[in-house]
Amino acid sequence: MGTRSQPSCDPRTVALIEGPGNATDLAERFENALYNIARSWRHAVDRRLKYLGISMAGWMAIAAASQVRSPLSQSELADMLSVSGASMVRMIDRLVKDGLAMREPSISDRRVNRIVITDAGHRLYAVLKDEAAAVRRELLAGMELAKLAHLTELLEQMQSILVPRHDHAPFDEEHCDC
């Protein structure tokens, strides 16, 4: 990691940045923080949505299926949510049973079911979006906008690096501009 103008950091971070050979420690600390904040964020939203009687997996499936232009297959939805096909089948079974989604056979391939959110599912999604937005406002209320913008840009840059490649090639650090 090169020398760059540093934002105000706590002393632990300054020591990691300035100390020799500490880039690995900082990278590990970053990885742990990223994992923990993503997990904690999902749990905060899940606690907020608990009164709706839907699991985190269920609301994530409804949200993902509601945000696409055309219905996804079960396997596409599973890939999008990073869950196994078997888990997705059970999740869709519950959503269908609850009247929130339905399976619709694909016109082009009869072996494939497309997941369609029902009107009840769309109404629930509207509530989910509002509640998730409220949690987001609460969690970000104390953040400085400039810091939030900078962090968002860094995470988006990382996401563009980590997007799966079509050739399934392993991550190549030589082509990484970070």
N, C-alpha and C. Protein backbone atom coordinates (compact mmCIF):
# COMPACT_ATOMS: atom_id res chain seq x y z
N MET A 1 0.85 -1.17 0.00
CA MET A 1 0.00 0.00 0.00
C MET A 1 0.89 1.23 0.00
N GLY A 2 0.67 2.07 -0.96
CA GLY A 2 1.49 3.27 -1.09
C GLY A 2 1.11 4.33 -0.09
N THR A 3 1.93 5.36 -0.04
CA THR A 3 1.63 6.47 0.85
C THR A 3 0.61 7.38 0.19
N ARG A 4 -0.44 7.65 0.88
CA ARG A 4 -1.49 8.53 0.39
C ARG A 4 -1.89 9.44 1.53
N SER A 5 -2.53 10.53 1.22
CA SER A 5 -3.02 11.38 2.30
C SER A 5 -4.08 10.57 3.05
N GLN A 6 -3.95 10.54 4.33
CA GLN A 6 -4.80 9.68 5.15
C GLN A 6 -5.89 10.50 5.83
N PRO A 7 -7.10 9.96 5.85
CA PRO A 7 -8.14 10.61 6.63
C PRO A 7 -7.80 10.44 8.10
N SER A 8 -8.47 11.19 8.95
CA SER A 8 -8.21 11.03 10.38
C SER A 8 -8.61 9.62 10.78
N CYS A 9 -7.69 8.91 11.41
CA CYS A 9 -7.90 7.52 11.80
C CYS A 9 -7.64 7.37 13.27
N ASP A 10 -8.17 6.28 13.83
CA ASP A 10 -7.84 6.03 15.22
C ASP A 10 -6.39 5.53 15.30
N PRO A 11 -5.76 5.60 16.46
CA PRO A 11 -4.34 5.26 16.59
C PRO A 11 -3.99 3.84 16.11
N ARG A 12 -4.90 2.88 16.27
CA ARG A 12 -4.64 1.52 15.79
C ARG A 12 -4.42 1.52 14.28
N THR A 13 -5.24 2.26 13.58
CA THR A 13 -5.16 2.31 12.12
C THR A 13 -3.90 3.03 11.69
N VAL A 14 -3.57 4.14 12.33
CA VAL A 14 -2.35 4.89 11.99
C VAL A 14 -1.14 3.98 12.17
N ALA A 15 -1.09 3.21 13.27
CA ALA A 15 0.03 2.31 13.50
C ALA A 15 0.11 1.25 12.41
N LEU A 16 -1.01 0.75 11.97
CA LEU A 16 -1.01 -0.26 10.91
C LEU A 16 -0.54 0.33 9.59
N ILE A 17 -0.96 1.55 9.29
CA ILE A 17 -0.60 2.18 8.02
C ILE A 17 0.88 2.50 8.00
N GLU A 18 1.40 3.03 9.10
CA GLU A 18 2.77 3.51 9.13
C GLU A 18 3.79 2.43 9.45
N GLY A 19 3.37 1.37 10.12
CA GLY A 19 4.32 0.32 10.51
C GLY A 19 4.75 -0.53 9.33
N PRO A 20 6.01 -0.99 9.36
CA PRO A 20 6.51 -1.82 8.25
C PRO A 20 5.86 -3.20 8.28
N GLY A 21 5.46 -3.67 7.11
CA GLY A 21 4.92 -5.02 7.00
C GLY A 21 3.54 -5.21 7.60
N ASN A 22 2.86 -4.12 7.88
CA ASN A 22 1.55 -4.24 8.53
C ASN A 22 0.38 -4.23 7.55
N ALA A 23 0.66 -4.19 6.27
CA ALA A 23 -0.42 -4.19 5.28
C ALA A 23 -1.27 -5.44 5.41
N THR A 24 -0.63 -6.57 5.73
CA THR A 24 -1.38 -7.81 5.90
C THR A 24 -2.32 -7.71 7.10
N ASP A 25 -1.85 -7.13 8.19
CA ASP A 25 -2.70 -6.96 9.38
C ASP A 25 -3.89 -6.06 9.07
N LEU A 26 -3.64 -4.98 8.33
CA LEU A 26 -4.71 -4.06 7.97
C LEU A 26 -5.71 -4.76 7.03
N ALA A 27 -5.21 -5.51 6.08
CA ALA A 27 -6.08 -6.23 5.15
C ALA A 27 -6.94 -7.24 5.90
N GLU A 28 -6.36 -7.93 6.87
CA GLU A 28 -7.12 -8.90 7.65
C GLU A 28 -8.16 -8.19 8.52
N ARG A 29 -7.78 -7.08 9.10
CA ARG A 29 -8.73 -6.30 9.90
C ARG A 29 -9.89 -5.80 9.02
N PHE A 30 -9.56 -5.35 7.79
CA PHE A 30 -10.58 -4.91 6.85
C PHE A 30 -11.53 -6.05 6.52
N GLU A 31 -10.97 -7.22 6.19
CA GLU A 31 -11.80 -8.37 5.83
C GLU A 31 -12.76 -8.73 6.96
N ASN A 32 -12.26 -8.75 8.19
CA ASN A 32 -13.11 -9.05 9.34
C ASN A 32 -14.19 -7.99 9.52
N ALA A 33 -13.82 -6.74 9.39
CA ALA A 33 -14.80 -5.65 9.55
C ALA A 33 -15.87 -5.73 8.48
N LEU A 34 -15.47 -6.00 7.24
CA LEU A 34 -16.42 -6.10 6.13
C LEU A 34 -17.40 -7.25 6.36
N TYR A 35 -16.89 -8.40 6.72
CA TYR A 35 -17.75 -9.56 6.99
C TYR A 35 -18.71 -9.26 8.14
N ASN A 36 -18.16 -8.72 9.22
CA ASN A 36 -18.99 -8.47 10.41
C ASN A 36 -20.05 -7.41 10.18
N ILE A 37 -19.72 -6.34 9.45
CA ILE A 37 -20.72 -5.30 9.21
C ILE A 37 -21.81 -5.80 8.29
N ALA A 38 -21.46 -6.58 7.28
CA ALA A 38 -22.49 -7.13 6.38
C ALA A 38 -23.44 -8.03 7.17
N ARG A 39 -22.88 -8.87 7.99
CA ARG A 39 -23.68 -9.80 8.81
C ARG A 39 -24.55 -9.02 9.80
N SER A 40 -23.97 -8.05 10.48
CA SER A 40 -24.71 -7.25 11.47
C SER A 40 -25.81 -6.43 10.80
N TRP A 41 -25.53 -5.91 9.61
CA TRP A 41 -26.52 -5.12 8.88
C TRP A 41 -27.73 -5.99 8.55
N ARG A 42 -27.46 -7.20 8.00
CA ARG A 42 -28.57 -8.11 7.66
C ARG A 42 -29.39 -8.46 8.90
N HIS A 43 -28.70 -8.69 10.03
CA HIS A 43 -29.42 -9.03 11.26
C HIS A 43 -30.25 -7.85 11.77
N ALA A 44 -29.75 -6.63 11.62
CA ALA A 44 -30.52 -5.45 12.04
C ALA A 44 -31.80 -5.34 11.22
N VAL A 45 -31.69 -5.56 9.91
CA VAL A 45 -32.88 -5.53 9.05
C VAL A 45 -33.80 -6.68 9.42
N ASP A 46 -33.23 -7.86 9.65
CA ASP A 46 -34.03 -9.03 10.00
C ASP A 46 -34.82 -8.80 11.29
N ARG A 47 -34.18 -8.20 12.29
CA ARG A 47 -34.89 -7.90 13.55
C ARG A 47 -36.05 -6.94 13.30
N ARG A 48 -35.82 -5.96 12.42
CA ARG A 48 -36.85 -4.98 12.11
C ARG A 48 -38.03 -5.61 11.38
N LEU A 49 -37.76 -6.64 10.58
CA LEU A 49 -38.80 -7.28 9.77
C LEU A 49 -39.45 -8.48 10.44
N LYS A 50 -38.97 -8.82 11.62
CA LYS A 50 -39.46 -10.02 12.30
C LYS A 50 -40.97 -10.00 12.48
N TYR A 51 -41.55 -8.84 12.74
CA TYR A 51 -42.99 -8.74 12.97
C TYR A 51 -43.82 -9.16 11.76
N LEU A 52 -43.18 -9.17 10.57
CA LEU A 52 -43.88 -9.56 9.36
C LEU A 52 -44.00 -11.08 9.21
N GLY A 53 -43.28 -11.80 10.07
CA GLY A 53 -43.36 -13.26 10.06
C GLY A 53 -42.64 -13.91 8.89
N ILE A 54 -41.63 -13.25 8.36
CA ILE A 54 -40.89 -13.81 7.24
C ILE A 54 -39.41 -13.88 7.62
N SER A 55 -38.76 -14.96 7.21
CA SER A 55 -37.36 -15.15 7.53
C SER A 55 -36.48 -14.23 6.68
N MET A 56 -35.24 -14.09 7.12
CA MET A 56 -34.29 -13.29 6.36
C MET A 56 -34.15 -13.87 4.95
N ALA A 57 -34.04 -15.18 4.85
CA ALA A 57 -33.91 -15.82 3.54
C ALA A 57 -35.13 -15.51 2.67
N GLY A 58 -36.31 -15.53 3.26
CA GLY A 58 -37.54 -15.24 2.52
C GLY A 58 -37.60 -13.82 2.02
N TRP A 59 -37.29 -12.84 2.89
CA TRP A 59 -37.37 -11.46 2.43
C TRP A 59 -36.27 -11.14 1.43
N MET A 60 -35.11 -11.79 1.57
CA MET A 60 -34.04 -11.56 0.59
C MET A 60 -34.44 -12.12 -0.78
N ALA A 61 -35.12 -13.28 -0.79
CA ALA A 61 -35.57 -13.87 -2.05
C ALA A 61 -36.64 -12.99 -2.70
N ILE A 62 -37.59 -12.50 -1.90
CA ILE A 62 -38.63 -11.61 -2.45
C ILE A 62 -38.00 -10.33 -3.00
N ALA A 63 -37.07 -9.77 -2.25
CA ALA A 63 -36.41 -8.54 -2.70
C ALA A 63 -35.66 -8.78 -4.01
N ALA A 64 -34.89 -9.86 -4.08
CA ALA A 64 -34.11 -10.14 -5.29
C ALA A 64 -35.03 -10.38 -6.48
N ALA A 65 -36.08 -11.17 -6.27
CA ALA A 65 -37.00 -11.49 -7.38
C ALA A 65 -37.81 -10.27 -7.80
N SER A 66 -38.05 -9.36 -6.89
CA SER A 66 -38.83 -8.16 -7.20
C SER A 66 -38.03 -7.11 -7.96
N GLN A 67 -36.72 -7.17 -7.87
CA GLN A 67 -35.88 -6.13 -8.45
C GLN A 67 -35.43 -6.41 -9.87
N VAL A 68 -35.81 -7.56 -10.42
CA VAL A 68 -35.37 -7.90 -11.77
C VAL A 68 -36.49 -7.61 -12.78
N ARG A 69 -36.11 -7.38 -14.02
CA ARG A 69 -37.09 -7.05 -15.07
C ARG A 69 -37.95 -8.23 -15.46
N SER A 70 -37.33 -9.40 -15.60
CA SER A 70 -38.10 -10.58 -15.97
C SER A 70 -37.85 -11.67 -14.93
N PRO A 71 -38.83 -12.55 -14.74
CA PRO A 71 -38.70 -13.58 -13.70
C PRO A 71 -37.45 -14.44 -13.87
N LEU A 72 -36.82 -14.74 -12.75
CA LEU A 72 -35.62 -15.57 -12.74
C LEU A 72 -36.00 -17.03 -12.54
N SER A 73 -35.14 -17.91 -12.98
CA SER A 73 -35.32 -19.32 -12.66
C SER A 73 -34.90 -19.53 -11.21
N GLN A 74 -35.29 -20.67 -10.66
CA GLN A 74 -34.89 -20.98 -9.28
C GLN A 74 -33.38 -20.99 -9.15
N SER A 75 -32.68 -21.55 -10.13
CA SER A 75 -31.22 -21.61 -10.04
C SER A 75 -30.58 -20.23 -10.17
N GLU A 76 -31.15 -19.37 -11.01
CA GLU A 76 -30.63 -18.00 -11.12
C GLU A 76 -30.83 -17.24 -9.81
N LEU A 77 -31.97 -17.44 -9.19
CA LEU A 77 -32.24 -16.78 -7.91
C LEU A 77 -31.30 -17.32 -6.84
N ALA A 78 -31.07 -18.63 -6.85
CA ALA A 78 -30.13 -19.24 -5.89
C ALA A 78 -28.73 -18.66 -6.07
N ASP A 79 -28.29 -18.52 -7.33
CA ASP A 79 -26.97 -17.94 -7.59
C ASP A 79 -26.91 -16.50 -7.10
N MET A 80 -27.97 -15.74 -7.37
CA MET A 80 -28.00 -14.34 -6.97
C MET A 80 -27.87 -14.19 -5.45
N LEU A 81 -28.47 -15.12 -4.71
CA LEU A 81 -28.46 -15.06 -3.25
C LEU A 81 -27.35 -15.89 -2.62
N SER A 82 -26.56 -16.56 -3.46
CA SER A 82 -25.46 -17.41 -2.99
C SER A 82 -25.95 -18.49 -2.03
N VAL A 83 -27.02 -19.17 -2.43
CA VAL A 83 -27.52 -20.31 -1.64
C VAL A 83 -27.57 -21.53 -2.54
N SER A 84 -27.65 -22.69 -1.93
CA SER A 84 -27.70 -23.92 -2.71
C SER A 84 -29.05 -24.06 -3.40
N GLY A 85 -29.08 -24.85 -4.44
CA GLY A 85 -30.32 -25.11 -5.15
C GLY A 85 -31.37 -25.73 -4.24
N ALA A 86 -30.94 -26.66 -3.38
CA ALA A 86 -31.87 -27.32 -2.45
C ALA A 86 -32.47 -26.31 -1.47
N SER A 87 -31.65 -25.42 -0.96
CA SER A 87 -32.15 -24.39 -0.05
C SER A 87 -33.15 -23.49 -0.76
N MET A 88 -32.86 -23.16 -2.02
CA MET A 88 -33.74 -22.29 -2.78
C MET A 88 -35.09 -22.97 -3.01
N VAL A 89 -35.09 -24.26 -3.29
CA VAL A 89 -36.34 -24.99 -3.50
C VAL A 89 -37.21 -24.90 -2.24
N ARG A 90 -36.61 -25.14 -1.07
CA ARG A 90 -37.37 -25.06 0.19
C ARG A 90 -37.88 -23.64 0.44
N MET A 91 -37.03 -22.64 0.13
CA MET A 91 -37.42 -21.25 0.33
C MET A 91 -38.60 -20.89 -0.58
N ILE A 92 -38.51 -21.28 -1.85
CA ILE A 92 -39.59 -21.00 -2.80
C ILE A 92 -40.85 -21.75 -2.39
N ASP A 93 -40.70 -22.98 -1.93
CA ASP A 93 -41.86 -23.75 -1.44
C ASP A 93 -42.62 -22.96 -0.37
N ARG A 94 -41.87 -22.38 0.58
CA ARG A 94 -42.51 -21.59 1.65
C ARG A 94 -43.19 -20.35 1.10
N LEU A 95 -42.52 -19.66 0.18
CA LEU A 95 -43.10 -18.44 -0.39
C LEU A 95 -44.36 -18.77 -1.19
N VAL A 96 -44.35 -19.88 -1.92
CA VAL A 96 -45.52 -20.31 -2.69
C VAL A 96 -46.65 -20.67 -1.73
N LYS A 97 -46.33 -21.42 -0.69
CA LYS A 97 -47.33 -21.82 0.31
C LYS A 97 -47.98 -20.60 0.97
N ASP A 98 -47.17 -19.56 1.20
CA ASP A 98 -47.67 -18.34 1.84
C ASP A 98 -48.33 -17.39 0.84
N GLY A 99 -48.38 -17.76 -0.43
CA GLY A 99 -49.03 -16.94 -1.45
C GLY A 99 -48.22 -15.72 -1.88
N LEU A 100 -46.91 -15.75 -1.63
CA LEU A 100 -46.06 -14.60 -1.95
C LEU A 100 -45.35 -14.74 -3.29
N ALA A 101 -45.28 -15.97 -3.78
CA ALA A 101 -44.63 -16.24 -5.07
C ALA A 101 -45.30 -17.43 -5.71
N MET A 102 -45.04 -17.59 -7.00
CA MET A 102 -45.52 -18.79 -7.69
C MET A 102 -44.48 -19.21 -8.71
N ARG A 103 -44.51 -20.49 -9.01
CA ARG A 103 -43.63 -21.04 -10.04
C ARG A 103 -44.38 -21.01 -11.36
N GLU A 104 -43.69 -20.51 -12.36
CA GLU A 104 -44.29 -20.42 -13.69
C GLU A 104 -43.35 -21.15 -14.66
N PRO A 105 -43.85 -22.15 -15.39
CA PRO A 105 -42.96 -22.86 -16.32
C PRO A 105 -42.40 -21.92 -17.39
N SER A 106 -41.14 -22.13 -17.71
CA SER A 106 -40.49 -21.34 -18.75
C SER A 106 -41.07 -21.73 -20.10
N ILE A 107 -41.25 -20.76 -20.96
CA ILE A 107 -41.76 -21.01 -22.31
C ILE A 107 -40.69 -21.72 -23.15
N SER A 108 -39.43 -21.35 -22.94
CA SER A 108 -38.35 -21.89 -23.76
C SER A 108 -37.81 -23.24 -23.27
N ASP A 109 -37.99 -23.56 -21.98
CA ASP A 109 -37.46 -24.81 -21.44
C ASP A 109 -38.41 -25.32 -20.36
N ARG A 110 -39.16 -26.35 -20.67
CA ARG A 110 -40.18 -26.85 -19.74
C ARG A 110 -39.59 -27.39 -18.44
N ARG A 111 -38.28 -27.66 -18.40
CA ARG A 111 -37.65 -28.16 -17.17
C ARG A 111 -37.41 -27.03 -16.17
N VAL A 112 -37.52 -25.80 -16.62
CA VAL A 112 -37.18 -24.64 -15.80
C VAL A 112 -38.44 -23.95 -15.31
N ASN A 113 -38.43 -23.62 -14.01
CA ASN A 113 -39.50 -22.81 -13.43
C ASN A 113 -38.98 -21.40 -13.20
N ARG A 114 -39.78 -20.43 -13.58
CA ARG A 114 -39.47 -19.02 -13.30
C ARG A 114 -40.24 -18.64 -12.04
N ILE A 115 -39.61 -17.84 -11.19
CA ILE A 115 -40.24 -17.43 -9.94
C ILE A 115 -40.88 -16.07 -10.14
N VAL A 116 -42.19 -16.03 -9.93
CA VAL A 116 -42.96 -14.81 -10.12
C VAL A 116 -43.51 -14.40 -8.76
N ILE A 117 -43.29 -13.15 -8.42
CA ILE A 117 -43.83 -12.63 -7.16
C ILE A 117 -45.29 -12.28 -7.38
N THR A 118 -46.14 -12.71 -6.45
CA THR A 118 -47.59 -12.44 -6.55
C THR A 118 -47.88 -11.02 -6.10
N ASP A 119 -49.14 -10.61 -6.26
CA ASP A 119 -49.55 -9.29 -5.78
C ASP A 119 -49.30 -9.16 -4.28
N ALA A 120 -49.62 -10.23 -3.54
CA ALA A 120 -49.37 -10.21 -2.08
C ALA A 120 -47.87 -10.08 -1.81
N GLY A 121 -47.05 -10.74 -2.61
CA GLY A 121 -45.60 -10.64 -2.46
C GLY A 121 -45.10 -9.23 -2.77
N HIS A 122 -45.68 -8.59 -3.79
CA HIS A 122 -45.29 -7.21 -4.12
C HIS A 122 -45.72 -6.25 -3.01
N ARG A 123 -46.89 -6.48 -2.43
CA ARG A 123 -47.32 -5.62 -1.31
C ARG A 123 -46.36 -5.79 -0.13
N LEU A 124 -45.97 -7.04 0.15
CA LEU A 124 -45.01 -7.29 1.22
C LEU A 124 -43.67 -6.64 0.89
N TYR A 125 -43.25 -6.72 -0.36
CA TYR A 125 -41.99 -6.11 -0.77
C TYR A 125 -42.00 -4.60 -0.53
N ALA A 126 -43.12 -3.95 -0.77
CA ALA A 126 -43.23 -2.51 -0.53
C ALA A 126 -43.00 -2.21 0.96
N VAL A 127 -43.57 -3.04 1.82
CA VAL A 127 -43.36 -2.87 3.27
C VAL A 127 -41.90 -3.16 3.61
N LEU A 128 -41.34 -4.23 3.02
CA LEU A 128 -39.94 -4.58 3.26
C LEU A 128 -39.01 -3.42 2.89
N LYS A 129 -39.25 -2.83 1.72
CA LYS A 129 -38.43 -1.71 1.26
C LYS A 129 -38.50 -0.53 2.23
N ASP A 130 -39.72 -0.21 2.68
CA ASP A 130 -39.87 0.91 3.61
C ASP A 130 -39.16 0.64 4.93
N GLU A 131 -39.32 -0.57 5.44
CA GLU A 131 -38.67 -0.92 6.71
C GLU A 131 -37.15 -0.95 6.57
N ALA A 132 -36.66 -1.51 5.47
CA ALA A 132 -35.21 -1.55 5.24
C ALA A 132 -34.65 -0.12 5.10
N ALA A 133 -35.40 0.76 4.46
CA ALA A 133 -34.97 2.15 4.33
C ALA A 133 -34.92 2.83 5.69
N ALA A 134 -35.87 2.51 6.57
CA ALA A 134 -35.86 3.08 7.91
C ALA A 134 -34.64 2.61 8.69
N VAL A 135 -34.31 1.33 8.58
CA VAL A 135 -33.12 0.81 9.25
C VAL A 135 -31.88 1.50 8.69
N ARG A 136 -31.82 1.63 7.38
CA ARG A 136 -30.68 2.27 6.73
C ARG A 136 -30.51 3.70 7.24
N ARG A 137 -31.61 4.45 7.32
CA ARG A 137 -31.53 5.83 7.82
C ARG A 137 -31.02 5.85 9.26
N GLU A 138 -31.51 4.95 10.09
CA GLU A 138 -31.08 4.89 11.49
C GLU A 138 -29.59 4.56 11.61
N LEU A 139 -29.15 3.55 10.84
CA LEU A 139 -27.76 3.11 10.93
C LEU A 139 -26.78 4.13 10.37
N LEU A 140 -27.20 4.90 9.39
CA LEU A 140 -26.30 5.85 8.75
C LEU A 140 -26.46 7.28 9.27
N ALA A 141 -27.37 7.49 10.20
CA ALA A 141 -27.67 8.84 10.68
C ALA A 141 -26.44 9.58 11.20
N GLY A 142 -25.55 8.91 11.86
CA GLY A 142 -24.39 9.56 12.44
C GLY A 142 -23.18 9.63 11.54
N MET A 143 -23.30 9.14 10.33
CA MET A 143 -22.15 9.10 9.41
C MET A 143 -22.01 10.43 8.67
N GLU A 144 -20.76 10.86 8.51
CA GLU A 144 -20.50 12.04 7.69
C GLU A 144 -20.70 11.64 6.23
N LEU A 145 -21.38 12.48 5.47
CA LEU A 145 -21.68 12.16 4.08
C LEU A 145 -20.42 11.94 3.25
N ALA A 146 -19.40 12.73 3.44
CA ALA A 146 -18.16 12.58 2.66
C ALA A 146 -17.51 11.23 2.94
N LYS A 147 -17.49 10.82 4.20
CA LYS A 147 -16.90 9.52 4.55
C LYS A 147 -17.74 8.38 3.97
N LEU A 148 -19.05 8.53 4.04
CA LEU A 148 -19.94 7.51 3.49
C LEU A 148 -19.74 7.40 1.98
N ALA A 149 -19.61 8.52 1.30
CA ALA A 149 -19.40 8.52 -0.14
C ALA A 149 -18.07 7.85 -0.48
N HIS A 150 -17.03 8.16 0.28
CA HIS A 150 -15.71 7.57 0.03
C HIS A 150 -15.75 6.06 0.25
N LEU A 151 -16.34 5.64 1.34
CA LEU A 151 -16.44 4.21 1.64
C LEU A 151 -17.24 3.49 0.56
N THR A 152 -18.33 4.09 0.12
CA THR A 152 -19.16 3.50 -0.93
C THR A 152 -18.36 3.33 -2.22
N GLU A 153 -17.59 4.34 -2.58
CA GLU A 153 -16.76 4.26 -3.79
C GLU A 153 -15.74 3.14 -3.68
N LEU A 154 -15.10 3.02 -2.52
CA LEU A 154 -14.12 1.95 -2.32
C LEU A 154 -14.76 0.57 -2.43
N LEU A 155 -15.93 0.41 -1.82
CA LEU A 155 -16.61 -0.88 -1.88
C LEU A 155 -17.07 -1.20 -3.29
N GLU A 156 -17.53 -0.20 -4.03
CA GLU A 156 -17.93 -0.42 -5.42
C GLU A 156 -16.72 -0.79 -6.28
N GLN A 157 -15.58 -0.19 -6.00
CA GLN A 157 -14.35 -0.54 -6.72
C GLN A 157 -13.98 -1.98 -6.43
N MET A 158 -14.07 -2.38 -5.18
CA MET A 158 -13.76 -3.77 -4.82
C MET A 158 -14.74 -4.72 -5.49
N GLN A 159 -16.01 -4.36 -5.53
CA GLN A 159 -17.02 -5.22 -6.15
C GLN A 159 -16.70 -5.43 -7.63
N SER A 160 -16.26 -4.37 -8.31
CA SER A 160 -15.94 -4.53 -9.73
C SER A 160 -14.75 -5.46 -9.92
N ILE A 161 -13.87 -5.53 -8.96
CA ILE A 161 -12.73 -6.44 -9.03
C ILE A 161 -13.18 -7.88 -8.77
N LEU A 162 -14.13 -8.04 -7.86
CA LEU A 162 -14.55 -9.37 -7.43
C LEU A 162 -15.66 -10.00 -8.25
N VAL A 163 -16.25 -9.25 -9.18
CA VAL A 163 -17.33 -9.79 -9.99
C VAL A 163 -16.82 -11.04 -10.70
N PRO A 164 -17.59 -12.13 -10.61
CA PRO A 164 -17.12 -13.37 -11.26
C PRO A 164 -16.89 -13.16 -12.75
N ARG A 165 -15.79 -13.71 -13.21
CA ARG A 165 -15.45 -13.60 -14.63
C ARG A 165 -16.10 -14.75 -15.38
N HIS A 166 -16.41 -14.52 -16.65
CA HIS A 166 -17.05 -15.53 -17.47
C HIS A 166 -16.17 -16.76 -17.66
N ASP A 167 -14.85 -16.55 -17.66
CA ASP A 167 -13.96 -17.68 -17.89
C ASP A 167 -13.62 -18.41 -16.58
N HIS A 168 -14.18 -17.97 -15.47
CA HIS A 168 -13.94 -18.56 -14.14
C HIS A 168 -12.47 -18.58 -13.78
N ALA A 169 -11.73 -17.59 -14.30
CA ALA A 169 -10.31 -17.50 -13.99
C ALA A 169 -10.14 -17.05 -12.55
N PRO A 170 -9.10 -17.52 -11.88
CA PRO A 170 -8.87 -17.07 -10.51
C PRO A 170 -8.53 -15.58 -10.49
N PHE A 171 -8.65 -14.98 -9.34
CA PHE A 171 -8.35 -13.57 -9.18
C PHE A 171 -6.91 -13.32 -9.58
N ASP A 172 -6.65 -12.29 -10.36
CA ASP A 172 -5.34 -11.98 -10.87
C ASP A 172 -4.90 -10.62 -10.34
N GLU A 173 -3.99 -10.62 -9.37
CA GLU A 173 -3.56 -9.37 -8.74
C GLU A 173 -2.84 -8.44 -9.71
N GLU A 174 -2.19 -8.98 -10.75
CA GLU A 174 -1.46 -8.14 -11.69
C GLU A 174 -2.40 -7.19 -12.44
N HIS A 175 -3.66 -7.58 -12.63
CA HIS A 175 -4.61 -6.76 -13.36
C HIS A 175 -5.50 -5.94 -12.44
N CYS A 176 -5.16 -5.91 -11.19
CA CYS A 176 -5.94 -5.17 -10.20
C CYS A 176 -5.38 -3.77 -10.06
N ASP A 177 -6.20 -2.75 -10.25
CA ASP A 177 -5.79 -1.37 -10.09
C ASP A 177 -6.24 -0.86 -8.74
N CYS A 178 -5.63 -1.43 -7.70
CA CYS A 178 -6.04 -1.01 -6.34
C CYS A 178 -4.84 -0.77 -5.46
